[in-house]
Protein backbone atom coordinates (compact mmCIF):
# COMPACT_ATOMS: atom_id res chain seq x y z
CA UNK A 1 0.00 0.00 0.00
CA UNK A 2 1.29 3.51 -0.71
CA UNK A 3 2.32 5.52 2.29
CA UNK A 4 0.03 8.28 3.49
CA UNK A 5 1.25 11.72 2.41
CA UNK A 6 2.86 13.74 5.21
CA UNK A 7 0.58 16.06 7.11
CA UNK A 8 1.35 19.63 6.18
CA UNK A 9 0.62 22.56 8.43
CA UNK A 10 -1.43 25.36 6.82
CA UNK A 11 0.43 28.57 6.21
CA UNK A 12 -0.11 30.90 9.18
CA UNK A 13 0.67 34.58 9.31
CA UNK A 14 3.48 35.19 11.84
CA UNK A 15 2.02 36.74 14.97
CA UNK A 16 3.42 39.31 17.35
CA UNK A 17 3.01 37.77 20.80
CA UNK A 18 3.51 39.58 24.10
CA UNK A 19 4.11 37.48 27.23
CA UNK A 20 3.39 39.28 30.51
CA UNK A 21 4.74 37.75 33.70
CA UNK A 22 5.68 38.48 37.26
CA UNK A 23 9.29 37.68 38.04
CA UNK A 24 9.02 34.57 40.21
CA UNK A 25 10.73 31.49 38.79
CA UNK A 26 7.60 29.36 38.99
CA UNK A 27 5.61 31.99 37.11
CA UNK A 28 8.15 32.44 34.31
CA UNK A 29 8.69 28.71 33.90
CA UNK A 30 4.94 28.08 33.65
CA UNK A 31 4.61 30.54 30.77
CA UNK A 32 7.86 29.59 29.04
CA UNK A 33 6.77 26.33 27.31
CA UNK A 34 3.91 28.15 25.56
CA UNK A 35 6.20 31.00 24.54
CA UNK A 36 8.81 28.56 23.23
CA UNK A 37 6.22 26.58 21.26
CA UNK A 38 4.93 29.73 19.60
CA UNK A 39 8.45 30.84 18.73
CA UNK A 40 9.21 27.38 17.32
CA UNK A 41 6.22 27.86 15.02
CA UNK A 42 7.67 31.05 13.60
CA UNK A 43 6.00 33.72 15.73
CA UNK A 44 7.68 36.82 17.15
CA UNK A 45 7.50 36.41 20.92
CA UNK A 46 8.55 39.17 23.31
CA UNK A 47 8.26 39.40 27.08
CA UNK A 48 7.39 42.02 29.64
CA UNK A 49 8.63 40.77 33.01
CA UNK A 50 9.97 42.11 36.28
CA UNK A 51 13.73 42.47 36.57
CA UNK A 52 14.15 39.32 38.68
CA UNK A 53 12.75 37.24 35.82
CA UNK A 54 14.68 38.93 33.04
CA UNK A 55 17.80 36.77 33.20
CA UNK A 56 15.74 33.59 32.91
CA UNK A 57 13.82 34.96 29.94
CA UNK A 58 17.01 36.16 28.26
CA UNK A 59 18.65 32.73 28.77
CA UNK A 60 15.90 31.28 26.56
CA UNK A 61 16.79 33.75 23.80
CA UNK A 62 13.80 36.08 24.11
CA UNK A 63 13.80 39.86 23.94
CA UNK A 64 12.29 41.32 27.08
CA UNK A 65 11.27 44.63 28.59
CA UNK A 66 11.49 45.36 32.31
CA UNK A 67 7.95 45.73 33.62
CA UNK A 68 6.44 45.50 37.08
CA UNK A 69 8.15 45.02 40.42
CA UNK A 70 10.41 42.28 41.68
CA UNK A 71 9.28 39.58 44.08
CA UNK A 72 11.07 41.19 47.01
CA UNK A 73 9.71 44.67 46.18
CA UNK A 74 6.23 43.22 45.93
CA UNK A 75 6.57 41.70 49.38
CA UNK A 76 7.87 45.02 50.75
CA UNK A 77 4.93 46.90 49.23
CA UNK A 78 2.50 44.51 50.92
CA UNK A 79 4.41 44.36 54.21
CA UNK A 80 1.75 46.18 56.24
CA UNK A 81 -0.91 43.59 55.34
CA UNK A 82 1.09 40.38 55.39
CA UNK A 83 1.22 39.81 59.19
CA UNK A 84 -2.57 39.96 59.41
CA UNK A 85 -3.02 37.61 56.46
CA UNK A 86 -0.48 35.13 57.78
CA UNK A 87 -2.49 34.84 61.00
CA UNK A 88 -5.37 33.31 59.04
CA UNK A 89 -5.70 29.52 58.81
CA UNK A 90 -3.48 28.31 55.99
CA UNK A 91 -6.45 27.23 53.89
CA UNK A 92 -7.92 30.76 54.00
CA UNK A 93 -4.85 32.79 53.02
CA UNK A 94 -4.71 32.45 49.27
CA UNK A 95 -7.40 34.97 48.34
CA UNK A 96 -6.14 37.79 50.58
CA UNK A 97 -2.52 37.07 49.61
CA UNK A 98 -3.30 37.01 45.90
CA UNK A 99 -5.31 40.23 46.11
CA UNK A 100 -2.70 42.05 48.21
CA UNK A 101 0.45 40.95 46.41
CA UNK A 102 -0.62 40.70 42.79
CA UNK A 103 -3.63 43.02 42.40
CA UNK A 104 -2.88 45.93 44.75
CA UNK A 105 0.93 45.88 45.04
CA UNK A 106 2.01 44.66 41.60
CA UNK A 107 -0.92 45.41 39.28
CA UNK A 108 -0.76 49.23 39.05
CA UNK A 109 3.04 49.23 38.64
CA UNK A 110 2.81 46.65 35.87
CA UNK A 111 0.02 48.53 34.09
CA UNK A 112 2.10 51.72 33.88
CA UNK A 113 5.11 49.82 32.56
CA UNK A 114 3.07 47.81 30.06
CA UNK A 115 1.50 50.80 28.31
CA UNK A 116 4.57 51.70 26.20
CA UNK A 117 5.30 48.00 25.60
CA UNK A 118 1.84 47.51 24.11
CA UNK A 119 2.39 50.57 21.91
CA UNK A 120 5.78 49.33 20.71
CA UNK A 121 5.06 45.61 20.22
CA UNK A 122 1.47 46.02 18.94
CA UNK A 123 0.71 42.39 19.85
CA UNK A 124 -1.73 40.20 17.96
CA UNK A 125 -2.05 37.96 21.02
CA UNK A 126 -1.22 38.49 24.70
CA UNK A 127 -0.15 35.65 26.99
CA UNK A 128 -0.10 36.08 30.74
CA UNK A 129 0.46 33.82 33.73
CA UNK A 130 -2.39 33.90 36.23
CA UNK A 131 -0.69 36.16 38.79
CA UNK A 132 0.03 38.93 36.27
CA UNK A 133 -3.17 40.95 36.46
CA UNK A 134 -2.55 44.11 34.42
CA UNK A 135 -2.32 42.59 30.94
CA UNK A 136 -5.88 41.26 31.02
CA UNK A 137 -7.70 44.62 31.15
CA UNK A 138 -5.16 46.20 28.81
CA UNK A 139 -5.73 43.49 26.21
CA UNK A 140 -9.51 43.73 26.65
CA UNK A 141 -9.49 47.51 26.18
CA UNK A 142 -7.52 47.09 22.95
CA UNK A 143 -9.57 44.10 21.72
CA UNK A 144 -6.49 41.87 21.68
CA UNK A 145 -7.03 38.14 22.32
CA UNK A 146 -5.80 37.06 25.76
CA UNK A 147 -4.46 33.63 26.75
CA UNK A 148 -4.01 32.79 30.43
CA UNK A 149 -1.49 30.13 31.46
CA UNK A 150 -1.95 28.65 34.94
CA UNK A 151 0.95 27.53 37.08
CA UNK A 152 -1.29 25.64 39.54
CA UNK A 153 -5.00 25.14 40.24
CA UNK A 154 -7.76 27.68 40.10
CA UNK A 155 -8.34 30.03 43.02
CA UNK A 156 -10.71 28.46 45.57
CA UNK A 157 -14.29 29.70 45.37
CA UNK A 158 -14.02 31.51 48.71
CA UNK A 159 -11.01 33.48 47.41
CA UNK A 160 -12.46 34.80 44.19
CA UNK A 161 -14.62 37.65 45.46
CA UNK A 162 -11.81 39.43 47.28
CA UNK A 163 -9.54 39.09 44.23
CA UNK A 164 -12.14 40.44 41.80
CA UNK A 165 -12.72 43.42 44.10
CA UNK A 166 -8.99 44.10 44.25
CA UNK A 167 -8.44 43.80 40.51
CA UNK A 168 -11.45 45.95 39.51
CA UNK A 169 -9.53 49.29 39.67
CA UNK A 170 -7.14 48.02 36.98
CA UNK A 171 -10.12 47.48 34.69
CA UNK A 172 -11.68 50.84 35.59
CA UNK A 173 -8.41 52.57 34.73
CA UNK A 174 -8.75 51.11 31.22
CA UNK A 175 -12.30 52.49 30.91
CA UNK A 176 -13.89 49.07 31.49
CA UNK A 177 -16.49 47.77 33.89
CA UNK A 178 -15.56 45.52 36.81
CA UNK A 179 -14.59 42.12 35.42
CA UNK A 180 -16.04 38.66 35.79
CA UNK A 181 -13.78 35.61 36.02
CA UNK A 182 -14.51 34.95 32.37
CA UNK A 183 -13.02 38.37 31.56
CA UNK A 184 -9.90 37.65 33.60
CA UNK A 185 -9.38 34.24 31.96
CA UNK A 186 -9.54 35.69 28.45
CA UNK A 187 -10.28 33.61 25.36
CA UNK A 188 -8.17 30.60 26.33
CA UNK A 189 -7.07 29.25 29.72
CA UNK A 190 -4.37 26.56 29.83
CA UNK A 191 -4.71 24.28 32.88
CA UNK A 192 -1.60 22.30 33.86
CA UNK A 193 -3.00 20.07 36.62
CA UNK A 194 -3.67 16.40 35.80
CA UNK A 195 -7.26 15.17 36.26
CA UNK A 196 -6.61 13.63 39.70
CA UNK A 197 -5.40 17.00 41.00
CA UNK A 198 -8.68 18.70 40.05
CA UNK A 199 -8.89 22.46 40.75
CA UNK A 200 -9.87 23.13 37.14
CA UNK A 201 -11.90 26.26 36.33
CA UNK A 202 -15.49 25.70 35.28
CA UNK A 203 -15.23 27.51 31.95
CA UNK A 204 -15.60 26.58 28.29
CA UNK A 205 -12.28 28.26 27.45
CA UNK A 206 -10.21 25.87 29.62
CA UNK A 207 -7.84 23.47 27.87
CA UNK A 208 -5.64 20.91 29.63
CA UNK A 209 -1.99 21.08 28.72
CA UNK A 210 0.90 18.92 29.86
CA UNK A 211 3.13 20.76 32.33
CA UNK A 212 6.66 21.35 31.13
CA UNK A 213 9.70 21.40 33.36
CA UNK A 214 12.31 24.13 33.62
CA UNK A 215 15.07 23.79 31.09
CA UNK A 216 18.32 22.37 32.39
CA UNK A 217 21.16 24.83 32.76
CA UNK A 218 23.60 22.33 31.27
CA UNK A 219 25.78 22.53 34.40
CA UNK A 220 25.20 18.96 35.56
CA UNK A 221 27.31 18.08 38.62
CA UNK A 222 29.24 14.81 38.39
CA UNK A 223 28.13 13.63 41.85
CA UNK A 224 24.61 13.17 40.51
CA UNK A 225 25.62 9.89 38.87
CA UNK A 226 25.85 8.21 42.27
CA UNK A 227 22.45 9.39 43.52
CA UNK A 228 20.10 6.47 44.07
CA UNK A 229 22.69 3.90 42.95
CA UNK A 230 23.38 2.23 46.32
CA UNK A 231 20.26 3.05 48.32
CA UNK A 232 17.11 5.11 48.07
CA UNK A 233 17.44 8.88 47.92
CA UNK A 234 15.06 11.63 49.04
CA UNK A 235 14.95 15.08 47.45
CA UNK A 236 14.25 17.98 49.85
CA UNK A 237 13.49 21.45 48.53
CA UNK A 238 11.73 24.62 49.53
CA UNK A 239 12.12 26.54 46.31
CA UNK A 240 14.19 29.63 45.64
CA UNK A 241 12.08 32.37 47.26
CA UNK A 242 12.67 34.03 50.63
CA UNK A 243 9.94 31.94 52.28
CA UNK A 244 12.41 29.02 52.19
CA UNK A 245 13.96 30.45 55.37
CA UNK A 246 10.80 29.37 57.26
CA UNK A 247 10.90 25.73 56.08
CA UNK A 248 11.43 23.16 58.91
CA UNK A 249 14.92 22.23 57.73
CA UNK A 250 16.24 21.02 61.07
CA UNK A 251 13.24 18.79 61.70
CA UNK A 252 13.46 17.34 58.19
CA UNK A 253 17.14 16.56 58.61
CA UNK A 254 16.59 14.92 61.98
CA UNK A 255 13.87 12.76 60.45
CA UNK A 256 16.22 11.75 57.63
CA UNK A 257 19.06 10.97 60.05
CA UNK A 258 17.33 7.84 61.35
CA UNK A 259 16.34 6.47 57.92
CA UNK A 260 18.29 4.18 55.62
CA UNK A 261 18.33 6.71 52.82
CA UNK A 262 20.48 9.37 51.26
CA UNK A 263 19.10 12.86 50.68
CA UNK A 264 19.85 15.92 48.59
CA UNK A 265 18.55 19.21 49.99
CA UNK A 266 18.51 22.33 47.81
CA UNK A 267 18.20 25.34 50.11
CA UNK A 268 18.07 28.19 47.59
CA UNK A 269 19.80 31.57 47.75
CA UNK A 270 18.25 32.92 50.97
CA UNK A 271 18.83 30.20 53.58
CA UNK A 272 21.95 30.59 55.73
CA UNK A 273 23.63 27.17 56.10
CA UNK A 274 24.51 28.14 59.69
CA UNK A 275 20.79 28.00 60.50
CA UNK A 276 20.49 24.37 59.47
CA UNK A 277 22.03 22.93 62.62
CA UNK A 278 23.99 19.68 62.60
CA UNK A 279 23.38 18.24 59.15
CA UNK A 280 23.49 14.41 59.19
CA UNK A 281 26.05 12.63 57.07
CA UNK A 282 23.39 11.13 54.78
CA UNK A 283 22.19 14.60 53.67
CA UNK A 284 23.95 16.58 50.94
CA UNK A 285 23.34 20.36 50.95
CA UNK A 286 23.32 22.33 47.70
CA UNK A 287 22.10 25.82 46.88
CA UNK A 288 20.49 24.68 43.63
CA UNK A 289 20.33 21.64 41.41
CA UNK A 290 18.07 21.48 38.33
CA UNK A 291 15.25 19.33 39.67
CA UNK A 292 14.88 17.52 36.38
CA UNK A 293 18.31 16.03 37.05
CA UNK A 294 17.21 14.73 40.47
CA UNK A 295 13.61 13.64 40.13
CA UNK A 296 14.36 10.61 37.99
CA UNK A 297 16.77 9.30 40.65
CA UNK A 298 14.93 9.74 43.93
CA UNK A 299 12.35 7.63 45.77
CA UNK A 300 10.37 10.49 47.34
CA UNK A 301 10.18 14.29 47.47
CA UNK A 302 9.81 16.55 50.51
CA UNK A 303 8.81 20.08 49.55
CA UNK A 304 7.01 23.31 50.29
CA UNK A 305 4.36 22.52 47.68
CA UNK A 306 5.44 24.96 44.99
CA UNK A 307 3.64 24.20 41.75
CA UNK A 308 6.82 23.54 39.80
CA UNK A 309 8.08 21.02 42.34
CA UNK A 310 4.69 19.35 42.82
CA UNK A 311 4.12 18.94 39.08
CA UNK A 312 7.73 17.91 38.45
CA UNK A 313 7.55 15.19 41.10
CA UNK A 314 4.14 14.09 39.82
CA UNK A 315 5.43 13.89 36.26
CA UNK A 316 8.16 11.51 37.44
CA UNK A 317 5.76 9.41 39.51
CA UNK A 318 7.34 10.30 42.85
CA UNK A 319 5.35 10.21 46.11
CA UNK A 320 5.45 13.53 47.93
CA UNK A 321 5.48 14.95 51.44
CA UNK A 322 4.18 18.52 51.23
CA UNK A 323 4.63 21.15 53.96
CA UNK A 324 3.17 24.40 52.57
CA UNK A 325 4.56 27.81 53.49
CA UNK A 326 2.90 30.46 51.32
CA UNK A 327 0.77 31.42 48.30
CA UNK A 328 -0.90 28.51 46.46
CA UNK A 329 1.12 25.84 48.24
CA UNK A 330 -1.67 24.71 50.56
CA UNK A 331 -4.00 24.05 47.63
CA UNK A 332 -1.19 22.25 45.80
CA UNK A 333 -0.70 20.03 48.83
CA UNK A 334 -4.43 19.35 48.97
CA UNK A 335 -4.26 18.26 45.31
CA UNK A 336 -1.42 15.84 46.10
CA UNK A 337 -3.20 14.45 49.16
CA UNK A 338 -6.57 14.06 47.44
CA UNK A 339 -4.95 12.30 44.48
CA UNK A 340 -3.46 9.79 46.92
CA UNK A 341 0.12 10.34 45.77
CA UNK A 342 1.40 12.07 48.89
CA UNK A 343 0.93 13.40 52.39
CA UNK A 344 0.04 16.96 53.39
CA UNK A 345 1.30 18.28 56.74
CA UNK A 346 -0.19 21.44 58.23
CA UNK A 347 1.71 24.03 60.25
CA UNK A 348 1.06 22.12 63.50
CA UNK A 349 2.53 18.89 62.08
CA UNK A 350 6.15 19.88 61.55
CA UNK A 351 7.85 17.96 64.38
CA UNK A 352 10.53 15.34 63.81
CA UNK A 353 8.12 12.51 64.63
CA UNK A 354 5.55 13.85 62.16
CA UNK A 355 8.11 14.03 59.39
CA UNK A 356 9.77 10.70 60.14
CA UNK A 357 6.46 8.83 60.32
CA UNK A 358 5.17 10.40 57.14
CA UNK A 359 8.38 9.74 55.25
CA UNK A 360 8.45 6.09 56.36
CA UNK A 361 4.89 5.76 55.07
CA UNK A 362 5.88 7.18 51.68
CA UNK A 363 8.93 4.95 51.39
CA UNK A 364 7.64 1.67 52.81
CA UNK A 365 4.03 1.33 51.63
CA UNK A 366 2.72 0.88 48.13
CA UNK A 367 -0.48 2.99 48.08
CA UNK A 368 1.21 6.36 47.55
CA UNK A 369 3.64 4.93 45.00
CA UNK A 370 0.82 3.36 43.02
CA UNK A 371 -1.15 6.61 43.05
CA UNK A 372 1.96 8.54 42.01
CA UNK A 373 2.43 6.15 39.07
CA UNK A 374 -1.20 6.71 38.05
CA UNK A 375 -0.81 10.49 38.14
CA UNK A 376 2.40 10.20 36.11
CA UNK A 377 0.42 8.36 33.44
CA UNK A 378 -2.28 11.04 33.53
CA UNK A 379 0.31 13.75 32.91
CA UNK A 380 1.89 11.79 30.07
CA UNK A 381 -1.56 11.53 28.45
CA UNK A 382 -2.24 15.28 28.63
CA UNK A 383 -1.95 17.24 25.37
CA UNK A 384 1.49 18.76 24.79
CA UNK A 385 1.80 22.51 24.50
CA UNK A 386 2.31 22.19 20.74
CA UNK A 387 -1.30 21.00 20.46
CA UNK A 388 -2.68 24.38 21.52
CA UNK A 389 -0.53 26.48 19.18
CA UNK A 390 -3.07 26.30 16.36
CA UNK A 391 -5.85 27.38 18.72
CA UNK A 392 -3.80 30.36 19.85
CA UNK A 393 -3.04 31.24 16.24
CA UNK A 394 -6.74 31.12 15.41
CA UNK A 395 -7.57 33.68 18.10
CA UNK A 396 -6.06 36.51 16.10
CA UNK A 397 -8.45 35.77 13.23
CA UNK A 398 -11.55 35.29 15.37
């Protein structure tokens, strides 16, 4: 039989695409796979991002404009409100935090910086990650199609009212009425959680998309070859943001001391090694290791519940112990717990016994490992980012 002719892609007019992002690593890395896919399909992709995300964007070969405020400046701007919010139960913090940090502190600064970028780039399509809140009203006021890329699950129902109230002034400043959630989502919303994690918006514009990991830096340390070769290894991380200083490092290390495992702990740029106490001999401390290099070698992951870590571990089928600190991390831990692939510990469950017992459960029973393998398969079955490129392209002609 003759072979089928190759499938040819219809000729598409190159688009000018503007990516708008806050500077946090998890936010940039969530948006990056979509930006890269569009560039690979011949489109002109430029970024507007806070200074602390610029180096990451530039390392991927994109042009970028400084826009918005850095993560630390955003925290400083919200400093008067944060103590009150952090006194709330962990499951009730996300709405007030999101409204304070991203709508009130960051939104107006980003809107002012974005105005000349919109004028210069004249985008056909705007992409934003969910925490960047200024691009949505600016795109709506200019009748430019908007695509929202999520880094984790949707805001809980109880959080949405306070966020809409906080974001409304950004829409008023563009001459628009107060928005609905449909307005904020735009014409396409890319959801990166696998089905078992849930937390998907109830909207016809939602599309599942397989989460992509951060690109490796290429600086792969030689000691990685021995990880997991002789006995099981545990990966411990609390991300790269300042909140990592509040992670229960000492308790985690004491729990690991008594187990027949090795561990690699990445403490990020803000943690002082002197604050870690007596580190056991079976724990290796590093500032940073690309997690993609570790996740394929470890038996379990202990983390703060950052979306990048949670999805990375899930994509490798690793059971997880989640101890949330901030932002969306509680909801991410709930997703892991409810999917059966890990254990969620609240702020009153951070003692050595809590951690040791939970870690033994992850390592020595099959239920969490089986659930983690199921979630890994779910992620592998999700559509790749390349599958949504044509839908994004079509928005400019709609």
